[in-house]
C-alpha cells in the first residue's frame, strides 16, 4: 500500500492470512494514524507468517493498537 496518509480506527484491521508461508504487508506512507484498537496482522496457518514492512516519517498510535507477525 502506498498512500499520502493511512488512518486505521474504530477496530479496523489490516490483515493477511494464508495457508502455508507468506502473507506479507508493506505500507509506504509519510503518516500513519492508528486509533481505537486497530491492528496490522500478517498471519499464516501451517507455515511461517509474512513480514510487516512499514516505511513512514511518523506513526501515531494508541497503546491498544498492535502489529503482530
PDB file of N, CA and C in Angstrom:
ATOM      1  N   UNK A   1       0.843  -1.150   0.000  1.00  0.00           N
ATOM      2  CA  UNK A   1       0.000   0.000   0.000  1.00  0.00           C
ATOM      3  C   UNK A   1       0.898   1.225   0.000  1.00  0.00           C
ATOM      4  N   UNK A   2       0.667   2.145  -0.920  1.00  0.00           N
ATOM      5  CA  UNK A   2       1.389   3.404  -0.955  1.00  0.00           C
ATOM      6  C   UNK A   2       0.354   4.514  -0.916  1.00  0.00           C
ATOM      7  N   UNK A   3       0.461   5.398   0.066  1.00  0.00           N
ATOM      8  CA  UNK A   3      -0.541   6.443   0.237  1.00  0.00           C
ATOM      9  C   UNK A   3       0.090   7.673   0.866  1.00  0.00           C
ATOM     10  N   UNK A   4      -0.587   8.831   0.710  1.00  0.00           N
ATOM     11  CA  UNK A   4      -0.114  10.044   1.353  1.00  0.00           C
ATOM     12  C   UNK A   4      -0.272   9.935   2.861  1.00  0.00           C
ATOM     13  N   UNK A   5      -1.380   9.332   3.303  1.00  0.00           N
ATOM     14  CA  UNK A   5      -1.576   9.063   4.730  1.00  0.00           C
ATOM     15  C   UNK A   5      -2.458   7.837   4.877  1.00  0.00           C
ATOM     16  N   UNK A   6      -2.287   7.122   5.984  1.00  0.00           N
ATOM     17  CA  UNK A   6      -3.078   5.937   6.286  1.00  0.00           C
ATOM     18  C   UNK A   6      -3.699   6.153   7.653  1.00  0.00           C
ATOM     19  N   UNK A   7      -5.020   5.938   7.747  1.00  0.00           N
ATOM     20  CA  UNK A   7      -5.710   6.057   9.033  1.00  0.00           C
ATOM     21  C   UNK A   7      -6.489   4.776   9.289  1.00  0.00           C
ATOM     22  N   UNK A   8      -6.170   4.132  10.405  1.00  0.00           N
ATOM     23  CA  UNK A   8      -6.907   2.962  10.860  1.00  0.00           C
ATOM     24  C   UNK A   8      -7.564   3.328  12.177  1.00  0.00           C
ATOM     25  N   UNK A   9      -8.850   3.085  12.292  1.00  0.00           N
ATOM     26  CA  UNK A   9      -9.536   3.423  13.526  1.00  0.00           C
ATOM     27  C   UNK A   9     -10.795   2.608  13.717  1.00  0.00           C
ATOM     28  N   UNK A  10     -11.393   2.733  14.882  1.00  0.00           N
ATOM     29  CA  UNK A  10     -12.642   2.051  15.231  1.00  0.00           C
ATOM     30  C   UNK A  10     -12.568   0.549  14.955  1.00  0.00           C
ATOM     31  N   UNK A  11     -11.598  -0.102  15.548  1.00  0.00           N
ATOM     32  CA  UNK A  11     -11.398  -1.544  15.457  1.00  0.00           C
ATOM     33  C   UNK A  11     -11.165  -1.968  14.003  1.00  0.00           C
ATOM     34  N   UNK A  12     -10.445  -1.162  13.215  1.00  0.00           N
ATOM     35  CA  UNK A  12     -10.057  -1.540  11.853  1.00  0.00           C
ATOM     36  C   UNK A  12      -8.908  -2.516  11.915  1.00  0.00           C
ATOM     37  N   UNK A  13      -8.829  -3.360  10.889  1.00  0.00           N
ATOM     38  CA  UNK A  13      -7.780  -4.366  10.852  1.00  0.00           C
ATOM     39  C   UNK A  13      -7.240  -4.464   9.428  1.00  0.00           C
ATOM     40  N   UNK A  14      -5.924  -4.359   9.292  1.00  0.00           N
ATOM     41  CA  UNK A  14      -5.236  -4.637   8.041  1.00  0.00           C
ATOM     42  C   UNK A  14      -4.623  -6.012   8.233  1.00  0.00           C
ATOM     43  N   UNK A  15      -5.123  -7.019   7.494  1.00  0.00           N
ATOM     44  CA  UNK A  15      -4.822  -8.406   7.799  1.00  0.00           C
ATOM     45  C   UNK A  15      -4.526  -9.191   6.528  1.00  0.00           C
ATOM     46  N   UNK A  16      -3.488 -10.028   6.581  1.00  0.00           N
ATOM     47  CA  UNK A  16      -3.288 -11.054   5.566  1.00  0.00           C
ATOM     48  C   UNK A  16      -3.292 -12.391   6.279  1.00  0.00           C
ATOM     49  N   UNK A  17      -3.839 -13.395   5.612  1.00  0.00           N
ATOM     50  CA  UNK A  17      -3.883 -14.729   6.185  1.00  0.00           C
ATOM     51  C   UNK A  17      -3.717 -15.740   5.062  1.00  0.00           C
ATOM     52  N   UNK A  18      -2.792 -16.690   5.242  1.00  0.00           N
ATOM     53  CA  UNK A  18      -2.539 -17.703   4.220  1.00  0.00           C
ATOM     54  C   UNK A  18      -2.474 -19.080   4.852  1.00  0.00           C
ATOM     55  N   UNK A  19      -2.612 -20.088   4.015  1.00  0.00           N
ATOM     56  CA  UNK A  19      -2.344 -21.461   4.434  1.00  0.00           C
ATOM     57  C   UNK A  19      -0.977 -21.789   3.853  1.00  0.00           C
ATOM     58  N   UNK A  20       0.002 -22.033   4.700  1.00  0.00           N
ATOM     59  CA  UNK A  20       1.389 -22.176   4.267  1.00  0.00           C
ATOM     60  C   UNK A  20       2.147 -20.894   4.572  1.00  0.00           C
ATOM     61  N   UNK A  21       3.228 -20.660   3.875  1.00  0.00           N
ATOM     62  CA  UNK A  21       4.067 -19.480   4.122  1.00  0.00           C
ATOM     63  C   UNK A  21       3.558 -18.268   3.343  1.00  0.00           C
ATOM     64  N   UNK A  22       3.829 -17.075   3.892  1.00  0.00           N
ATOM     65  CA  UNK A  22       3.536 -15.854   3.139  1.00  0.00           C
ATOM     66  C   UNK A  22       2.615 -14.910   3.858  1.00  0.00           C
ATOM     67  N   UNK A  23       2.025 -14.004   3.110  1.00  0.00           N
ATOM     68  CA  UNK A  23       1.114 -13.020   3.658  1.00  0.00           C
ATOM     69  C   UNK A  23       1.799 -11.736   4.074  1.00  0.00           C
ATOM     70  N   UNK A  24       2.721 -11.234   3.239  1.00  0.00           N
ATOM     71  CA  UNK A  24       3.445 -10.005   3.569  1.00  0.00           C
ATOM     72  C   UNK A  24       2.544  -8.781   3.489  1.00  0.00           C
ATOM     73  N   UNK A  25       2.842  -7.795   4.332  1.00  0.00           N
ATOM     74  CA  UNK A  25       2.176  -6.491   4.298  1.00  0.00           C
ATOM     75  C   UNK A  25       3.267  -5.432   4.179  1.00  0.00           C
ATOM     76  N   UNK A  26       3.145  -4.553   3.186  1.00  0.00           N
ATOM     77  CA  UNK A  26       4.076  -3.442   3.005  1.00  0.00           C
ATOM     78  C   UNK A  26       3.279  -2.152   2.957  1.00  0.00           C
ATOM     79  N   UNK A  27       3.647  -1.197   3.812  1.00  0.00           N
ATOM     80  CA  UNK A  27       2.991   0.112   3.859  1.00  0.00           C
ATOM     81  C   UNK A  27       4.063   1.170   3.669  1.00  0.00           C
ATOM     82  N   UNK A  28       3.833   2.083   2.718  1.00  0.00           N
ATOM     83  CA  UNK A  28       4.745   3.202   2.449  1.00  0.00           C
ATOM     84  C   UNK A  28       3.913   4.477   2.477  1.00  0.00           C
ATOM     85  N   UNK A  29       4.001   5.221   3.573  1.00  0.00           N
ATOM     86  CA  UNK A  29       3.192   6.424   3.761  1.00  0.00           C
ATOM     87  C   UNK A  29       3.914   7.373   4.700  1.00  0.00           C
ATOM     88  N   UNK A  30       3.913   8.685   4.394  1.00  0.00           N
ATOM     89  CA  UNK A  30       4.572   9.635   5.294  1.00  0.00           C
ATOM     90  C   UNK A  30       3.978   9.648   6.706  1.00  0.00           C
ATOM     91  N   UNK A  31       2.655   9.416   6.814  1.00  0.00           N
ATOM     92  CA  UNK A  31       1.986   9.484   8.115  1.00  0.00           C
ATOM     93  C   UNK A  31       1.055   8.285   8.262  1.00  0.00           C
ATOM     94  N   UNK A  32       1.131   7.613   9.408  1.00  0.00           N
ATOM     95  CA  UNK A  32       0.210   6.529   9.734  1.00  0.00           C
ATOM     96  C   UNK A  32      -0.430   6.859  11.073  1.00  0.00           C
ATOM     97  N   UNK A  33      -1.755   6.911  11.084  1.00  0.00           N
ATOM     98  CA  UNK A  33      -2.524   7.209  12.283  1.00  0.00           C
ATOM     99  C   UNK A  33      -3.342   5.976  12.631  1.00  0.00           C
ATOM    100  N   UNK A  34      -3.072   5.388  13.800  1.00  0.00           N
ATOM    101  CA  UNK A  34      -3.747   4.153  14.218  1.00  0.00           C
ATOM    102  C   UNK A  34      -4.450   4.401  15.541  1.00  0.00           C
ATOM    103  N   UNK A  35      -5.780   4.324  15.512  1.00  0.00           N
ATOM    104  CA  UNK A  35      -6.592   4.643  16.677  1.00  0.00           C
ATOM    105  C   UNK A  35      -7.542   3.506  17.015  1.00  0.00           C
ATOM    106  N   UNK A  36      -8.051   3.529  18.232  1.00  0.00           N
ATOM    107  CA  UNK A  36      -9.178   2.716  18.665  1.00  0.00           C
ATOM    108  C   UNK A  36      -9.020   1.235  18.349  1.00  0.00           C
ATOM    109  N   UNK A  37      -7.991   0.616  18.861  1.00  0.00           N
ATOM    110  CA  UNK A  37      -7.799  -0.832  18.749  1.00  0.00           C
ATOM    111  C   UNK A  37      -7.642  -1.300  17.304  1.00  0.00           C
ATOM    112  N   UNK A  38      -6.881  -0.577  16.504  1.00  0.00           N
ATOM    113  CA  UNK A  38      -6.603  -1.005  15.128  1.00  0.00           C
ATOM    114  C   UNK A  38      -5.392  -1.935  15.118  1.00  0.00           C
ATOM    115  N   UNK A  39      -5.411  -2.911  14.211  1.00  0.00           N
ATOM    116  CA  UNK A  39      -4.364  -3.927  14.151  1.00  0.00           C
ATOM    117  C   UNK A  39      -3.787  -4.046  12.743  1.00  0.00           C
ATOM    118  N   UNK A  40      -2.502  -4.370  12.659  1.00  0.00           N
ATOM    119  CA  UNK A  40      -1.845  -4.764  11.420  1.00  0.00           C
ATOM    120  C   UNK A  40      -1.293  -6.159  11.681  1.00  0.00           C
ATOM    121  N   UNK A  41      -1.839  -7.176  10.967  1.00  0.00           N
ATOM    122  CA  UNK A  41      -1.533  -8.565  11.276  1.00  0.00           C
ATOM    123  C   UNK A  41      -1.174  -9.327  10.006  1.00  0.00           C
ATOM    124  N   UNK A  42      -0.048 -10.044  10.038  1.00  0.00           N
ATOM    125  CA  UNK A  42       0.328 -10.988   8.982  1.00  0.00           C
ATOM    126  C   UNK A  42       0.269 -12.374   9.604  1.00  0.00           C
ATOM    127  N   UNK A  43      -0.642 -13.212   9.126  1.00  0.00           N
ATOM    128  CA  UNK A  43      -0.922 -14.495   9.755  1.00  0.00           C
ATOM    129  C   UNK A  43      -0.758 -15.631   8.746  1.00  0.00           C
ATOM    130  N   UNK A  44      -0.307 -16.792   9.209  1.00  0.00           N
ATOM    131  CA  UNK A  44      -0.211 -17.974   8.358  1.00  0.00           C
ATOM    132  C   UNK A  44      -0.601 -19.205   9.169  1.00  0.00           C
ATOM    133  N   UNK A  45      -1.404 -20.072   8.559  1.00  0.00           N
ATOM    134  CA  UNK A  45      -1.785 -21.337   9.163  1.00  0.00           C
ATOM    135  C   UNK A  45      -0.878 -22.416   8.573  1.00  0.00           C
ATOM    136  N   UNK A  46      -0.268 -23.212   9.408  1.00  0.00           N
ATOM    137  CA  UNK A  46       0.629 -24.293   8.975  1.00  0.00           C
ATOM    138  C   UNK A  46       1.837 -23.789   8.197  1.00  0.00           C
ATOM    139  N   UNK A  47       2.391 -22.658   8.602  1.00  0.00           N
ATOM    140  CA  UNK A  47       3.575 -22.139   7.926  1.00  0.00           C
ATOM    141  C   UNK A  47       4.101 -20.904   8.619  1.00  0.00           C
ATOM    142  N   UNK A  48       5.101 -20.286   8.006  1.00  0.00           N
ATOM    143  CA  UNK A  48       5.715 -19.074   8.533  1.00  0.00           C
ATOM    144  C   UNK A  48       4.904 -17.866   8.060  1.00  0.00           C
ATOM    145  N   UNK A  49       4.519 -17.025   9.013  1.00  0.00           N
ATOM    146  CA  UNK A  49       3.730 -15.847   8.661  1.00  0.00           C
ATOM    147  C   UNK A  49       4.569 -14.855   7.873  1.00  0.00           C
ATOM    148  N   UNK A  50       3.894 -13.936   7.209  1.00  0.00           N
ATOM    149  CA  UNK A  50       4.576 -12.942   6.398  1.00  0.00           C
ATOM    150  C   UNK A  50       5.227 -11.861   7.233  1.00  0.00           C
ATOM    151  N   UNK A  51       5.896 -10.957   6.554  1.00  0.00           N
ATOM    152  CA  UNK A  51       6.557  -9.823   7.189  1.00  0.00           C
ATOM    153  C   UNK A  51       5.674  -8.595   7.119  1.00  0.00           C
ATOM    154  N   UNK A  52       5.820  -7.724   8.105  1.00  0.00           N
ATOM    155  CA  UNK A  52       5.172  -6.417   8.084  1.00  0.00           C
ATOM    156  C   UNK A  52       6.283  -5.390   7.924  1.00  0.00           C
ATOM    157  N   UNK A  53       6.282  -4.693   6.786  1.00  0.00           N
ATOM    158  CA  UNK A  53       7.282  -3.666   6.490  1.00  0.00           C
ATOM    159  C   UNK A  53       6.592  -2.312   6.410  1.00  0.00           C
ATOM    160  N   UNK A  54       7.009  -1.382   7.264  1.00  0.00           N
ATOM    161  CA  UNK A  54       6.397  -0.057   7.299  1.00  0.00           C
ATOM    162  C   UNK A  54       7.488   0.981   7.080  1.00  0.00           C
ATOM    163  N   UNK A  55       7.291   1.834   6.056  1.00  0.00           N
ATOM    164  CA  UNK A  55       8.173   2.963   5.793  1.00  0.00           C
ATOM    165  C   UNK A  55       7.353   4.226   6.021  1.00  0.00           C
ATOM    166  N   UNK A  56       7.745   5.021   7.024  1.00  0.00           N
ATOM    167  CA  UNK A  56       6.988   6.220   7.360  1.00  0.00           C
ATOM    168  C   UNK A  56       7.891   7.244   8.037  1.00  0.00           C
ATOM    169  N   UNK A  57       7.458   8.495   7.999  1.00  0.00           N
ATOM    170  CA  UNK A  57       8.158   9.547   8.744  1.00  0.00           C
ATOM    171  C   UNK A  57       7.605   9.644  10.151  1.00  0.00           C
ATOM    172  N   UNK A  58       6.385   9.176  10.342  1.00  0.00           N
ATOM    173  CA  UNK A  58       5.798   9.228  11.669  1.00  0.00           C
ATOM    174  C   UNK A  58       4.597   8.326  11.789  1.00  0.00           C
ATOM    175  N   UNK A  59       4.495   7.642  12.942  1.00  0.00           N
ATOM    176  CA  UNK A  59       3.357   6.789  13.234  1.00  0.00           C
ATOM    177  C   UNK A  59       2.795   7.223  14.576  1.00  0.00           C
ATOM    178  N   UNK A  60       1.516   7.509  14.588  1.00  0.00           N
ATOM    179  CA  UNK A  60       0.838   7.881  15.817  1.00  0.00           C
ATOM    180  C   UNK A  60      -0.151   6.769  16.110  1.00  0.00           C
ATOM    181  N   UNK A  61      -0.056   6.177  17.317  1.00  0.00           N
ATOM    182  CA  UNK A  61      -0.979   5.098  17.644  1.00  0.00           C
ATOM    183  C   UNK A  61      -1.330   5.120  19.116  1.00  0.00           C
ATOM    184  N   UNK A  62      -2.530   4.667  19.404  1.00  0.00           N
ATOM    185  CA  UNK A  62      -2.952   4.473  20.787  1.00  0.00           C
ATOM    186  C   UNK A  62      -2.328   3.183  21.291  1.00  0.00           C
ATOM    187  N   UNK A  63      -2.152   3.070  22.568  1.00  0.00           N
ATOM    188  CA  UNK A  63      -1.491   1.891  23.138  1.00  0.00           C
ATOM    189  C   UNK A  63      -2.249   0.594  22.875  1.00  0.00           C
ATOM    190  N   UNK A  64      -3.556   0.659  22.643  1.00  0.00           N
ATOM    191  CA  UNK A  64      -4.321  -0.573  22.424  1.00  0.00           C
ATOM    192  C   UNK A  64      -4.196  -1.064  20.980  1.00  0.00           C
ATOM    193  N   UNK A  65      -3.525  -0.340  20.088  1.00  0.00           N
ATOM    194  CA  UNK A  65      -3.293  -0.792  18.712  1.00  0.00           C
ATOM    195  C   UNK A  65      -2.014  -1.618  18.676  1.00  0.00           C
ATOM    196  N   UNK A  66      -1.935  -2.610  17.738  1.00  0.00           N
ATOM    197  CA  UNK A  66      -0.792  -3.501  17.743  1.00  0.00           C
ATOM    198  C   UNK A  66      -0.399  -3.917  16.329  1.00  0.00           C
ATOM    199  N   UNK A  67       0.829  -4.397  16.194  1.00  0.00           N
ATOM    200  CA  UNK A  67       1.320  -5.046  14.986  1.00  0.00           C
ATOM    201  C   UNK A  67       1.743  -6.449  15.386  1.00  0.00           C
ATOM    202  N   UNK A  68       1.275  -7.463  14.653  1.00  0.00           N
ATOM    203  CA  UNK A  68       1.556  -8.852  15.010  1.00  0.00           C
ATOM    204  C   UNK A  68       2.007  -9.593  13.766  1.00  0.00           C
ATOM    205  N   UNK A  69       3.076 -10.379  13.887  1.00  0.00           N
ATOM    206  CA  UNK A  69       3.520 -11.252  12.796  1.00  0.00           C
ATOM    207  C   UNK A  69       4.248 -12.424  13.351  1.00  0.00           C
TER     208      UNK A  69
END
